[in-house]
Amino acid sequence: MKLWHYPLRQGVGAPAVPVVQPGDHVRRGALIAAAPADALGAPIHASVTGLVRSTEGTTGREGGGAEAEGRIAAAARRWML
C-alpha cells in the first residue's frame, strides 16, 4: 500500500476542516476536508480511492508563531487508483 498525504492548508487562507474519520473508505473525487465557513480556505478532494488512515487538525500556534498545519493520510493499493 502507498500513503497519500493531503495538507489541510492549501496556500493562503485557513486550513480546511476534515469531514472524514480514520477508517472511512473514500473514492476518488470525494470531499475529504471542507473550507471553513467563516474564513477563506479551499475544500480538499481525494485524488485516490482508499482508506483514511489518520486525520490531524491544526493544533494552534507552534514554533516561531507559524500556525501548525494538519493533514489527512489515506492508503490505497495500486489497483484502486
Protein backbone atom coordinates (compact mmCIF):
# COMPACT_ATOMS: atom_id res chain seq x y z
CA MET A 1 0.00 0.00 0.00
CA LYS A 2 1.05 3.56 -0.65
CA LEU A 3 0.17 6.54 1.55
CA TRP A 4 -1.06 9.89 0.24
CA HIS A 5 -0.89 12.95 2.48
CA TYR A 6 -3.23 15.88 1.96
CA PRO A 7 -2.23 19.11 3.75
CA LEU A 8 -5.23 20.89 5.22
CA ARG A 9 -3.77 24.31 4.38
CA GLN A 10 -3.76 24.90 0.62
CA GLY A 11 -1.82 28.13 0.14
CA VAL A 12 -3.14 31.34 1.65
CA GLY A 13 -6.17 31.03 3.90
CA ALA A 14 -7.42 29.00 6.80
CA PRO A 15 -6.85 25.23 7.00
CA ALA A 16 -9.70 23.04 5.81
CA VAL A 17 -11.76 21.04 8.32
CA PRO A 18 -11.67 17.22 7.88
CA VAL A 19 -15.06 15.66 7.09
CA VAL A 20 -13.74 12.08 7.19
CA GLN A 21 -12.59 9.93 10.09
CA PRO A 22 -9.85 7.29 10.29
CA GLY A 23 -11.24 4.03 8.91
CA ASP A 24 -13.56 5.71 6.37
CA HIS A 25 -13.42 4.43 2.80
CA VAL A 26 -13.25 7.23 0.23
CA ARG A 27 -13.49 7.26 -3.54
CA ARG A 28 -11.51 9.43 -5.92
CA GLY A 29 -13.11 12.88 -6.08
CA ALA A 30 -14.87 12.62 -2.69
CA LEU A 31 -14.76 15.64 -0.38
CA ILE A 32 -12.35 14.86 2.49
CA ALA A 33 -11.99 18.34 4.03
CA ALA A 34 -14.28 21.37 3.78
CA ALA A 35 -13.32 25.03 3.69
CA PRO A 36 -14.17 26.77 6.97
CA ALA A 37 -17.47 28.63 6.79
CA ASP A 38 -16.14 31.77 8.47
CA ALA A 39 -12.78 32.16 6.68
CA LEU A 40 -11.06 31.99 3.32
CA GLY A 41 -9.93 28.45 2.51
CA ALA A 42 -10.15 25.64 -0.02
CA PRO A 43 -12.07 22.34 0.02
CA ILE A 44 -9.93 19.23 -0.47
CA HIS A 45 -10.98 16.20 -2.53
CA ALA A 46 -9.40 12.73 -2.61
CA SER A 47 -7.22 12.00 -5.62
CA VAL A 48 -7.30 8.24 -4.96
CA THR A 49 -9.78 5.62 -3.79
CA GLY A 50 -8.70 4.16 -0.47
CA LEU A 51 -8.90 4.06 3.31
CA VAL A 52 -8.38 7.07 5.57
CA ARG A 53 -5.52 6.23 7.92
CA SER A 54 -5.43 9.39 10.04
CA THR A 55 -6.62 12.96 10.32
CA GLU A 56 -4.62 15.60 12.13
CA GLY A 57 -6.21 19.00 12.57
CA THR A 58 -4.44 22.22 13.40
CA THR A 59 -3.10 22.46 16.91
CA GLY A 60 -2.82 26.23 17.23
CA ARG A 61 0.48 28.07 17.04
CA GLU A 62 3.87 26.41 17.25
CA GLY A 63 7.49 27.47 16.82
CA GLY A 64 8.04 30.99 15.53
CA GLY A 65 4.35 31.88 15.61
CA ALA A 66 3.56 29.86 12.48
CA GLU A 67 0.26 28.04 12.66
CA ALA A 68 0.67 24.26 12.73
CA GLU A 69 -0.75 22.58 9.66
CA GLY A 70 -2.89 19.47 9.80
CA ARG A 71 -3.12 16.71 7.23
CA ILE A 72 -5.11 13.68 6.16
CA ALA A 73 -3.32 10.44 5.32
CA ALA A 74 -5.03 7.91 3.04
CA ALA A 75 -3.79 4.50 1.93
CA ALA A 76 -4.57 2.90 -1.42
CA ARG A 77 -3.39 -0.12 -3.34
CA ARG A 78 -2.16 0.44 -6.86
CA TRP A 79 -5.18 -1.33 -8.36
CA MET A 80 -7.53 1.11 -6.60
CA LEU A 81 -6.21 4.17 -8.45
